[in-house]
């Protein structure tokens, strides 16, 4: 009989002019990007927290602290690969993941397929095991004012 575990992740990053915007492992064309110690890929950060949560391994900050120069500017896909490795070392596999990105602009619909493909590739799963959805907050709150982005992620692992 298979065992299953579910984890949830959440992350937020502020937006600033002149920074690159990375989401779901994909470069988004925008004049703004995320303020962060790494590349700021808030979608991958939430996903890492969801995967780590499946096995009660803490959060992304525990494993990749923003106080360490080792992670400064790092491609978040490398962080995701390391988290997937932690799961696999313990005998588990990624089943599926579901990510919701709240960002007022730019519109993300043209990038969703690329994100699903990039994330699936890093995690070693089929694209149909990766759901990425985007929404706005109808101009409400800090997301609606274009000050930041928030992402929720859910992950299922099994063995």
N, C-alpha and C. Protein backbone atom coordinates (compact mmCIF):
# COMPACT_ATOMS: atom_id res chain seq x y z
N UNK A 1 0.84 -1.18 0.00
CA UNK A 1 0.00 0.00 0.00
C UNK A 1 0.88 1.24 0.00
N UNK A 2 0.51 2.22 -0.81
CA UNK A 2 1.27 3.47 -0.87
C UNK A 2 1.02 4.34 0.35
N UNK A 3 2.05 5.08 0.72
CA UNK A 3 1.92 6.12 1.74
C UNK A 3 1.92 7.45 1.01
N UNK A 4 1.15 8.40 1.54
CA UNK A 4 1.07 9.73 0.94
C UNK A 4 1.32 10.78 2.01
N UNK A 5 1.89 11.89 1.61
CA UNK A 5 2.05 13.06 2.48
C UNK A 5 1.72 14.31 1.67
N UNK A 6 1.11 15.27 2.34
CA UNK A 6 0.74 16.54 1.70
C UNK A 6 1.41 17.67 2.45
N UNK A 7 1.88 18.68 1.73
CA UNK A 7 2.46 19.86 2.34
C UNK A 7 1.95 21.13 1.67
N UNK A 8 1.95 22.21 2.43
CA UNK A 8 1.54 23.51 1.91
C UNK A 8 2.69 24.49 2.04
N UNK A 9 2.78 25.41 1.10
CA UNK A 9 3.80 26.45 1.16
C UNK A 9 3.21 27.79 0.78
N UNK A 10 3.81 28.83 1.30
CA UNK A 10 3.38 30.19 1.03
C UNK A 10 4.60 31.08 1.05
N UNK A 11 4.68 32.02 0.11
CA UNK A 11 5.77 32.98 0.13
C UNK A 11 5.31 34.29 -0.49
N UNK A 12 6.01 35.34 -0.12
CA UNK A 12 5.72 36.70 -0.58
C UNK A 12 7.04 37.39 -0.88
N UNK A 13 7.08 38.15 -1.95
CA UNK A 13 8.23 39.01 -2.22
C UNK A 13 7.75 40.37 -2.69
N UNK A 14 8.48 41.39 -2.29
CA UNK A 14 8.20 42.75 -2.75
C UNK A 14 8.68 42.89 -4.20
N UNK A 15 8.09 43.83 -4.90
CA UNK A 15 8.45 44.13 -6.28
C UNK A 15 9.18 45.46 -6.33
N UNK A 16 10.23 45.53 -7.16
CA UNK A 16 10.97 46.77 -7.35
C UNK A 16 11.34 46.93 -8.82
N UNK A 17 11.53 48.16 -9.22
CA UNK A 17 11.93 48.48 -10.60
C UNK A 17 13.36 47.98 -10.87
N UNK A 18 13.59 47.59 -12.12
CA UNK A 18 14.94 47.29 -12.58
C UNK A 18 15.50 45.93 -12.18
N UNK A 19 14.70 45.08 -11.55
CA UNK A 19 15.16 43.74 -11.18
C UNK A 19 14.56 42.72 -12.14
N UNK A 20 15.24 41.60 -12.36
CA UNK A 20 14.65 40.56 -13.21
C UNK A 20 13.51 39.87 -12.47
N UNK A 21 12.49 39.46 -13.21
CA UNK A 21 11.37 38.74 -12.62
C UNK A 21 11.42 37.28 -13.04
N UNK A 22 11.63 36.42 -12.06
CA UNK A 22 11.62 34.97 -12.27
C UNK A 22 10.43 34.38 -11.53
N UNK A 23 9.65 33.57 -12.22
CA UNK A 23 8.51 32.88 -11.63
C UNK A 23 8.42 31.47 -12.21
N UNK A 24 8.36 30.48 -11.35
CA UNK A 24 8.23 29.11 -11.83
C UNK A 24 9.36 28.68 -12.72
N UNK A 25 10.56 29.24 -12.48
CA UNK A 25 11.73 28.87 -13.27
C UNK A 25 11.82 29.55 -14.61
N UNK A 26 10.95 30.53 -14.87
CA UNK A 26 10.89 31.21 -16.17
C UNK A 26 11.11 32.71 -15.99
N UNK A 27 11.88 33.31 -16.89
CA UNK A 27 12.08 34.76 -16.88
C UNK A 27 10.86 35.42 -17.49
N UNK A 28 10.25 36.30 -16.72
CA UNK A 28 9.04 37.02 -17.14
C UNK A 28 9.45 38.40 -17.63
N UNK A 29 8.99 38.77 -18.80
CA UNK A 29 9.31 40.09 -19.35
C UNK A 29 8.53 41.16 -18.59
N UNK A 30 9.28 41.99 -17.89
CA UNK A 30 8.67 43.02 -17.06
C UNK A 30 9.75 44.02 -16.71
N UNK A 31 9.38 45.22 -16.43
CA UNK A 31 10.35 46.22 -15.99
C UNK A 31 10.61 46.15 -14.50
N UNK A 32 9.96 45.18 -13.84
CA UNK A 32 10.11 45.01 -12.40
C UNK A 32 10.47 43.58 -12.09
N UNK A 33 10.95 43.38 -10.85
CA UNK A 33 11.29 42.03 -10.40
C UNK A 33 11.15 41.95 -8.89
N UNK A 34 11.55 40.83 -8.33
CA UNK A 34 11.35 40.58 -6.91
C UNK A 34 12.60 40.88 -6.10
N UNK A 35 12.39 41.55 -4.99
CA UNK A 35 13.46 41.85 -4.04
C UNK A 35 13.72 40.58 -3.24
N UNK A 36 14.95 40.07 -3.31
CA UNK A 36 15.26 38.81 -2.63
C UNK A 36 16.76 38.59 -2.56
N UNK A 37 17.15 37.67 -1.72
CA UNK A 37 18.56 37.28 -1.60
C UNK A 37 18.97 36.38 -2.76
N UNK A 38 18.06 35.49 -3.18
CA UNK A 38 18.30 34.61 -4.32
C UNK A 38 17.81 35.32 -5.58
N UNK A 39 17.40 34.55 -6.59
CA UNK A 39 16.82 35.17 -7.79
C UNK A 39 15.40 35.65 -7.55
N UNK A 40 14.84 35.35 -6.37
CA UNK A 40 13.53 35.87 -6.00
C UNK A 40 12.35 35.12 -6.57
N UNK A 41 12.54 33.91 -7.07
CA UNK A 41 11.45 33.15 -7.67
C UNK A 41 10.49 32.70 -6.58
N UNK A 42 9.53 33.55 -6.29
CA UNK A 42 8.59 33.34 -5.19
C UNK A 42 7.75 32.08 -5.39
N UNK A 43 7.50 31.69 -6.63
CA UNK A 43 6.73 30.46 -6.89
C UNK A 43 7.53 29.23 -6.48
N UNK A 44 8.80 29.20 -6.84
CA UNK A 44 9.64 28.06 -6.44
C UNK A 44 9.84 28.05 -4.94
N UNK A 45 9.97 29.21 -4.33
CA UNK A 45 10.16 29.25 -2.87
C UNK A 45 8.94 28.67 -2.15
N UNK A 46 7.74 29.02 -2.58
CA UNK A 46 6.53 28.45 -1.98
C UNK A 46 6.46 26.95 -2.23
N UNK A 47 6.85 26.53 -3.43
CA UNK A 47 6.85 25.10 -3.76
C UNK A 47 7.85 24.34 -2.90
N UNK A 48 9.03 24.89 -2.70
CA UNK A 48 10.01 24.25 -1.83
C UNK A 48 9.45 24.08 -0.42
N UNK A 49 8.79 25.10 0.09
CA UNK A 49 8.19 25.00 1.42
C UNK A 49 7.11 23.92 1.47
N UNK A 50 6.31 23.81 0.41
CA UNK A 50 5.28 22.77 0.37
C UNK A 50 5.92 21.38 0.39
N UNK A 51 6.95 21.19 -0.42
CA UNK A 51 7.62 19.89 -0.47
C UNK A 51 8.31 19.57 0.85
N UNK A 52 8.99 20.54 1.42
CA UNK A 52 9.63 20.33 2.72
C UNK A 52 8.59 20.02 3.79
N UNK A 53 7.45 20.69 3.71
CA UNK A 53 6.38 20.46 4.67
C UNK A 53 5.83 19.05 4.63
N UNK A 54 5.89 18.41 3.48
CA UNK A 54 5.40 17.03 3.37
C UNK A 54 6.08 16.11 4.37
N UNK A 55 7.35 16.34 4.64
CA UNK A 55 8.12 15.48 5.54
C UNK A 55 8.54 16.21 6.82
N UNK A 56 7.89 17.33 7.11
CA UNK A 56 8.20 18.10 8.32
C UNK A 56 9.69 18.42 8.41
N UNK A 57 10.25 18.86 7.28
CA UNK A 57 11.68 19.18 7.22
C UNK A 57 11.97 20.67 7.42
N UNK A 58 11.01 21.41 7.91
CA UNK A 58 11.22 22.84 8.10
C UNK A 58 10.86 23.61 6.86
N UNK A 59 11.47 24.78 6.72
CA UNK A 59 11.16 25.62 5.57
C UNK A 59 12.42 25.96 4.79
N UNK A 60 12.23 26.67 3.71
CA UNK A 60 13.33 27.01 2.81
C UNK A 60 14.43 27.80 3.52
N UNK A 61 14.03 28.67 4.45
CA UNK A 61 15.01 29.47 5.19
C UNK A 61 15.91 28.64 6.08
N UNK A 62 15.41 27.51 6.56
CA UNK A 62 16.23 26.61 7.39
C UNK A 62 17.35 25.99 6.56
N UNK A 63 17.04 25.61 5.34
CA UNK A 63 18.00 24.90 4.49
C UNK A 63 18.86 25.83 3.64
N UNK A 64 18.30 26.99 3.28
CA UNK A 64 18.99 27.93 2.40
C UNK A 64 18.85 29.34 2.97
N UNK A 65 19.49 29.61 4.11
CA UNK A 65 19.27 30.90 4.79
C UNK A 65 19.74 32.11 3.98
N UNK A 66 18.95 33.20 4.07
CA UNK A 66 19.31 34.41 3.33
C UNK A 66 20.44 35.18 4.01
N UNK A 67 20.98 34.61 5.07
CA UNK A 67 22.15 35.20 5.74
C UNK A 67 23.45 34.61 5.19
N UNK A 68 23.33 33.64 4.30
CA UNK A 68 24.51 32.96 3.74
C UNK A 68 24.79 33.44 2.32
N UNK A 69 26.02 33.79 2.05
CA UNK A 69 26.42 34.18 0.70
C UNK A 69 26.36 33.01 -0.29
N UNK A 70 26.29 31.78 0.24
CA UNK A 70 26.19 30.60 -0.64
C UNK A 70 24.97 30.66 -1.54
N UNK A 71 23.91 31.34 -1.08
CA UNK A 71 22.65 31.35 -1.81
C UNK A 71 22.37 32.69 -2.48
N UNK A 72 23.28 33.64 -2.37
CA UNK A 72 23.06 34.98 -2.93
C UNK A 72 22.96 34.89 -4.46
N UNK A 73 21.83 35.34 -4.99
CA UNK A 73 21.62 35.37 -6.43
C UNK A 73 21.40 34.02 -7.07
N UNK A 74 21.29 32.95 -6.28
CA UNK A 74 21.19 31.60 -6.84
C UNK A 74 19.90 31.42 -7.65
N UNK A 75 20.01 30.62 -8.69
CA UNK A 75 18.86 30.20 -9.49
C UNK A 75 18.00 29.30 -8.60
N UNK A 76 16.78 29.68 -8.34
CA UNK A 76 15.92 28.92 -7.43
C UNK A 76 15.62 27.51 -7.92
N UNK A 77 15.81 27.25 -9.21
CA UNK A 77 15.64 25.88 -9.69
C UNK A 77 16.65 24.96 -9.02
N UNK A 78 17.82 25.48 -8.66
CA UNK A 78 18.81 24.67 -7.94
C UNK A 78 18.34 24.37 -6.52
N UNK A 79 17.65 25.30 -5.91
CA UNK A 79 17.09 25.06 -4.58
C UNK A 79 16.01 23.97 -4.66
N UNK A 80 15.15 24.07 -5.67
CA UNK A 80 14.10 23.07 -5.86
C UNK A 80 14.71 21.69 -6.10
N UNK A 81 15.74 21.62 -6.92
CA UNK A 81 16.39 20.33 -7.17
C UNK A 81 16.96 19.75 -5.88
N UNK A 82 17.52 20.60 -5.04
CA UNK A 82 18.07 20.13 -3.76
C UNK A 82 16.96 19.61 -2.85
N UNK A 83 15.82 20.30 -2.82
CA UNK A 83 14.69 19.86 -2.00
C UNK A 83 14.15 18.53 -2.51
N UNK A 84 13.99 18.39 -3.81
CA UNK A 84 13.54 17.12 -4.38
C UNK A 84 14.53 16.01 -4.01
N UNK A 85 15.82 16.34 -4.03
CA UNK A 85 16.83 15.36 -3.62
C UNK A 85 16.66 14.92 -2.18
N UNK A 86 16.32 15.86 -1.29
CA UNK A 86 16.08 15.52 0.12
C UNK A 86 14.91 14.55 0.25
N UNK A 87 13.88 14.77 -0.55
CA UNK A 87 12.70 13.90 -0.52
C UNK A 87 13.06 12.51 -1.03
N UNK A 88 13.78 12.47 -2.14
CA UNK A 88 14.15 11.19 -2.74
C UNK A 88 15.10 10.41 -1.85
N UNK A 89 16.01 11.09 -1.16
CA UNK A 89 16.94 10.41 -0.24
C UNK A 89 16.20 9.67 0.87
N UNK A 90 15.00 10.14 1.18
CA UNK A 90 14.19 9.53 2.24
C UNK A 90 13.20 8.51 1.68
N UNK A 91 13.34 8.21 0.39
CA UNK A 91 12.52 7.16 -0.22
C UNK A 91 11.17 7.60 -0.77
N UNK A 92 10.97 8.91 -0.91
CA UNK A 92 9.70 9.45 -1.40
C UNK A 92 9.84 9.97 -2.83
N UNK A 93 8.71 10.11 -3.51
CA UNK A 93 8.66 10.67 -4.86
C UNK A 93 7.61 11.77 -4.90
N UNK A 94 7.83 12.75 -5.76
CA UNK A 94 6.84 13.79 -5.96
C UNK A 94 5.68 13.21 -6.77
N UNK A 95 4.47 13.40 -6.25
CA UNK A 95 3.27 12.95 -6.97
C UNK A 95 2.75 14.05 -7.87
N UNK A 96 2.27 15.13 -7.25
CA UNK A 96 1.84 16.29 -8.01
C UNK A 96 1.93 17.54 -7.16
N UNK A 97 1.93 18.68 -7.82
CA UNK A 97 1.99 19.97 -7.14
C UNK A 97 0.98 20.92 -7.76
N UNK A 98 0.50 21.85 -6.95
CA UNK A 98 -0.48 22.84 -7.41
C UNK A 98 -0.05 24.19 -6.86
N UNK A 99 0.12 25.15 -7.74
CA UNK A 99 0.66 26.47 -7.38
C UNK A 99 -0.33 27.55 -7.84
N UNK A 100 -0.59 28.51 -6.96
CA UNK A 100 -1.41 29.67 -7.32
C UNK A 100 -0.58 30.92 -7.08
N UNK A 101 -0.43 31.73 -8.13
CA UNK A 101 0.36 32.97 -8.08
C UNK A 101 -0.60 34.15 -8.11
N UNK A 102 -0.49 35.03 -7.12
CA UNK A 102 -1.28 36.27 -7.11
C UNK A 102 -0.35 37.42 -7.47
N UNK A 103 -0.58 38.00 -8.64
CA UNK A 103 0.26 39.08 -9.16
C UNK A 103 -0.63 39.96 -10.03
N UNK A 104 -0.63 41.25 -9.77
CA UNK A 104 -1.51 42.14 -10.52
C UNK A 104 -1.06 42.29 -11.97
N UNK A 105 0.23 42.47 -12.17
CA UNK A 105 0.80 42.59 -13.52
C UNK A 105 2.27 42.24 -13.47
N UNK A 106 2.81 41.73 -14.53
CA UNK A 106 2.20 41.49 -15.84
C UNK A 106 1.30 40.26 -15.83
N UNK A 107 0.54 40.12 -16.89
CA UNK A 107 -0.31 38.95 -17.05
C UNK A 107 0.59 37.73 -17.27
N UNK A 108 0.27 36.63 -16.61
CA UNK A 108 1.13 35.45 -16.64
C UNK A 108 0.67 34.35 -17.59
N UNK A 109 -0.54 34.47 -18.14
CA UNK A 109 -1.07 33.41 -19.00
C UNK A 109 -0.09 32.95 -20.08
N UNK A 110 0.65 33.86 -20.75
CA UNK A 110 1.57 33.39 -21.79
C UNK A 110 2.73 32.55 -21.27
N UNK A 111 2.96 32.55 -19.96
CA UNK A 111 4.12 31.87 -19.37
C UNK A 111 3.77 30.58 -18.64
N UNK A 112 2.50 30.31 -18.43
CA UNK A 112 2.09 29.17 -17.61
C UNK A 112 2.64 27.85 -18.14
N UNK A 113 2.54 27.61 -19.43
CA UNK A 113 3.05 26.37 -20.01
C UNK A 113 4.54 26.21 -19.80
N UNK A 114 5.29 27.31 -19.98
CA UNK A 114 6.74 27.26 -19.76
C UNK A 114 7.07 26.96 -18.30
N UNK A 115 6.30 27.54 -17.39
CA UNK A 115 6.52 27.29 -15.96
C UNK A 115 6.28 25.82 -15.64
N UNK A 116 5.17 25.29 -16.12
CA UNK A 116 4.85 23.87 -15.87
C UNK A 116 5.96 22.98 -16.38
N UNK A 117 6.45 23.28 -17.56
CA UNK A 117 7.52 22.48 -18.16
C UNK A 117 8.82 22.58 -17.36
N UNK A 118 9.19 23.80 -16.98
CA UNK A 118 10.43 24.00 -16.23
C UNK A 118 10.38 23.29 -14.88
N UNK A 119 9.27 23.45 -14.17
CA UNK A 119 9.14 22.83 -12.85
C UNK A 119 9.10 21.31 -12.95
N UNK A 120 8.36 20.79 -13.93
CA UNK A 120 8.29 19.34 -14.12
C UNK A 120 9.67 18.77 -14.39
N UNK A 121 10.43 19.46 -15.21
CA UNK A 121 11.78 19.00 -15.55
C UNK A 121 12.67 18.92 -14.31
N UNK A 122 12.65 19.93 -13.49
CA UNK A 122 13.48 19.94 -12.28
C UNK A 122 13.05 18.85 -11.31
N UNK A 123 11.74 18.63 -11.18
CA UNK A 123 11.25 17.65 -10.21
C UNK A 123 11.23 16.22 -10.76
N UNK A 124 11.42 16.07 -12.07
CA UNK A 124 11.42 14.74 -12.66
C UNK A 124 10.03 14.11 -12.72
N UNK A 125 9.02 14.95 -12.97
CA UNK A 125 7.64 14.47 -13.08
C UNK A 125 7.07 14.90 -14.43
N UNK A 126 5.94 14.33 -14.79
CA UNK A 126 5.27 14.72 -16.03
C UNK A 126 4.65 16.11 -15.86
N UNK A 127 4.52 16.82 -16.97
CA UNK A 127 3.93 18.16 -16.91
C UNK A 127 2.51 18.15 -16.36
N UNK A 128 1.78 17.06 -16.58
CA UNK A 128 0.41 17.03 -16.07
C UNK A 128 0.34 16.80 -14.56
N UNK A 129 1.50 16.68 -13.92
CA UNK A 129 1.58 16.60 -12.46
C UNK A 129 1.89 17.97 -11.85
N UNK A 130 1.97 18.98 -12.70
CA UNK A 130 2.31 20.34 -12.24
C UNK A 130 1.21 21.30 -12.69
N UNK A 131 0.49 21.84 -11.71
CA UNK A 131 -0.54 22.83 -11.99
C UNK A 131 -0.02 24.20 -11.57
N UNK A 132 -0.11 25.16 -12.46
CA UNK A 132 0.24 26.54 -12.16
C UNK A 132 -0.93 27.42 -12.59
N UNK A 133 -1.43 28.20 -11.64
CA UNK A 133 -2.54 29.11 -11.92
C UNK A 133 -2.12 30.51 -11.52
N UNK A 134 -2.65 31.49 -12.22
CA UNK A 134 -2.35 32.89 -11.90
C UNK A 134 -3.65 33.65 -11.70
N UNK A 135 -3.61 34.59 -10.78
CA UNK A 135 -4.77 35.43 -10.51
C UNK A 135 -4.29 36.82 -10.14
N UNK A 136 -5.19 37.76 -10.19
CA UNK A 136 -4.92 39.10 -9.66
C UNK A 136 -5.69 39.21 -8.35
N UNK A 137 -5.56 40.33 -7.68
CA UNK A 137 -6.37 40.57 -6.49
C UNK A 137 -7.35 41.71 -6.74
N UNK A 138 -7.68 41.90 -8.03
CA UNK A 138 -8.66 42.93 -8.41
C UNK A 138 -8.28 44.30 -7.85
N UNK A 139 -6.98 44.60 -7.91
CA UNK A 139 -6.43 45.88 -7.46
C UNK A 139 -6.54 46.11 -5.95
N UNK A 140 -6.76 45.05 -5.19
CA UNK A 140 -6.87 45.16 -3.73
C UNK A 140 -5.56 44.78 -3.05
N UNK A 141 -5.24 45.44 -1.95
CA UNK A 141 -4.07 45.09 -1.13
C UNK A 141 -2.74 45.38 -1.80
N UNK A 142 -1.66 44.91 -1.16
CA UNK A 142 -0.32 45.18 -1.69
C UNK A 142 -0.09 44.54 -3.04
N UNK A 143 -0.70 43.38 -3.30
CA UNK A 143 -0.58 42.76 -4.62
C UNK A 143 -1.28 43.61 -5.65
N UNK A 144 -2.48 44.04 -5.34
CA UNK A 144 -3.26 44.87 -6.26
C UNK A 144 -2.61 46.20 -6.58
N UNK A 145 -1.87 46.73 -5.61
CA UNK A 145 -1.15 48.00 -5.84
C UNK A 145 0.17 47.79 -6.58
N UNK A 146 0.50 46.55 -6.89
CA UNK A 146 1.74 46.26 -7.61
C UNK A 146 2.97 46.31 -6.74
N UNK A 147 2.80 46.18 -5.43
CA UNK A 147 3.93 46.24 -4.49
C UNK A 147 4.57 44.89 -4.24
N UNK A 148 3.87 43.81 -4.57
CA UNK A 148 4.41 42.49 -4.28
C UNK A 148 3.64 41.38 -4.96
N UNK A 149 4.11 40.17 -4.70
CA UNK A 149 3.53 38.96 -5.25
C UNK A 149 3.42 37.95 -4.11
N UNK A 150 2.33 37.19 -4.10
CA UNK A 150 2.23 36.11 -3.14
C UNK A 150 1.85 34.83 -3.86
N UNK A 151 2.36 33.71 -3.32
CA UNK A 151 2.17 32.42 -3.96
C UNK A 151 1.83 31.38 -2.91
N UNK A 152 0.84 30.53 -3.23
CA UNK A 152 0.49 29.38 -2.41
C UNK A 152 0.83 28.13 -3.22
N UNK A 153 1.36 27.12 -2.53
CA UNK A 153 1.68 25.87 -3.20
C UNK A 153 1.26 24.69 -2.33
N UNK A 154 0.79 23.66 -2.98
CA UNK A 154 0.46 22.40 -2.32
C UNK A 154 1.18 21.29 -3.05
N UNK A 155 1.74 20.34 -2.29
CA UNK A 155 2.47 19.23 -2.89
C UNK A 155 2.02 17.92 -2.27
N UNK A 156 2.00 16.88 -3.10
CA UNK A 156 1.72 15.52 -2.65
C UNK A 156 2.94 14.68 -3.00
N UNK A 157 3.42 13.95 -2.01
CA UNK A 157 4.51 13.00 -2.26
C UNK A 157 4.01 11.59 -1.87
N UNK A 158 4.70 10.58 -2.37
CA UNK A 158 4.26 9.20 -2.06
C UNK A 158 5.46 8.25 -2.05
N UNK A 159 5.24 7.09 -1.42
CA UNK A 159 6.19 5.99 -1.52
C UNK A 159 5.45 4.68 -1.37
